Amino acid sequence: MTPTPTGALFHTDAGTDLVLTRTFRASADDVWASLTEPHRTARWFGPWEGDAGPGKTIKVQMAFEEGAQWSDMHIDACEPPNRLTVSVADEAGRWRMELLLSEAGGSTELRLIHHLDSTDMIGEIGPGWEYYLDMLVAARNDSPQVDFADYYPAMKPYFDRLATPPSA
């Protein structure tokens, strides 16, 4: 399989957003459950534990990363089934993420927005989110898991170009 990168960068007043989308033939409630129920997140991202809710911190394991470390994830906002905003601060840095769901015509679009402090690592970050979103698709379809080697380093040039300003 050769996955195609879909990410786009948008410049905002607050910085730069990396946006990736996936569409599912399912209700927003069902897709929301894939994003928030620990036994379902374990299939594509990793498990989590704790008392979840806005303003609270849970423990999340990125199960498909080397070492499968646990991190603290703060739930900044939670508006089921349309919006989840989280932040993580660990040895890799500070990450601010937003997941937005919109349902129409029997399908739900998921927009993953990574609010970037810098685009310096976009060549690594972008392929990672493409991989995890395709892991979500595979988990929801009961398909085999995707292989990260198909995403990185193959997608790195695509994402690096997104962060390169066009020549004048």
Foldseek 3Di string as FASTA:
>chain_A
DQDDFDWAWDQDPQGIKIKDKDKDLADLQVVQCCVPPQVNVCQQARGKDDDDDAQDWIWTFRCPDVVRDIFIKHFNDDDPSAKTWIWTADPVGIWTWMWGWDDDDSMIMIMIMIGDPDLPCQLPVRLVVVQSVVSSVCSVVVHDRDDSVSRPPVCSVVRVVSRDDDDD
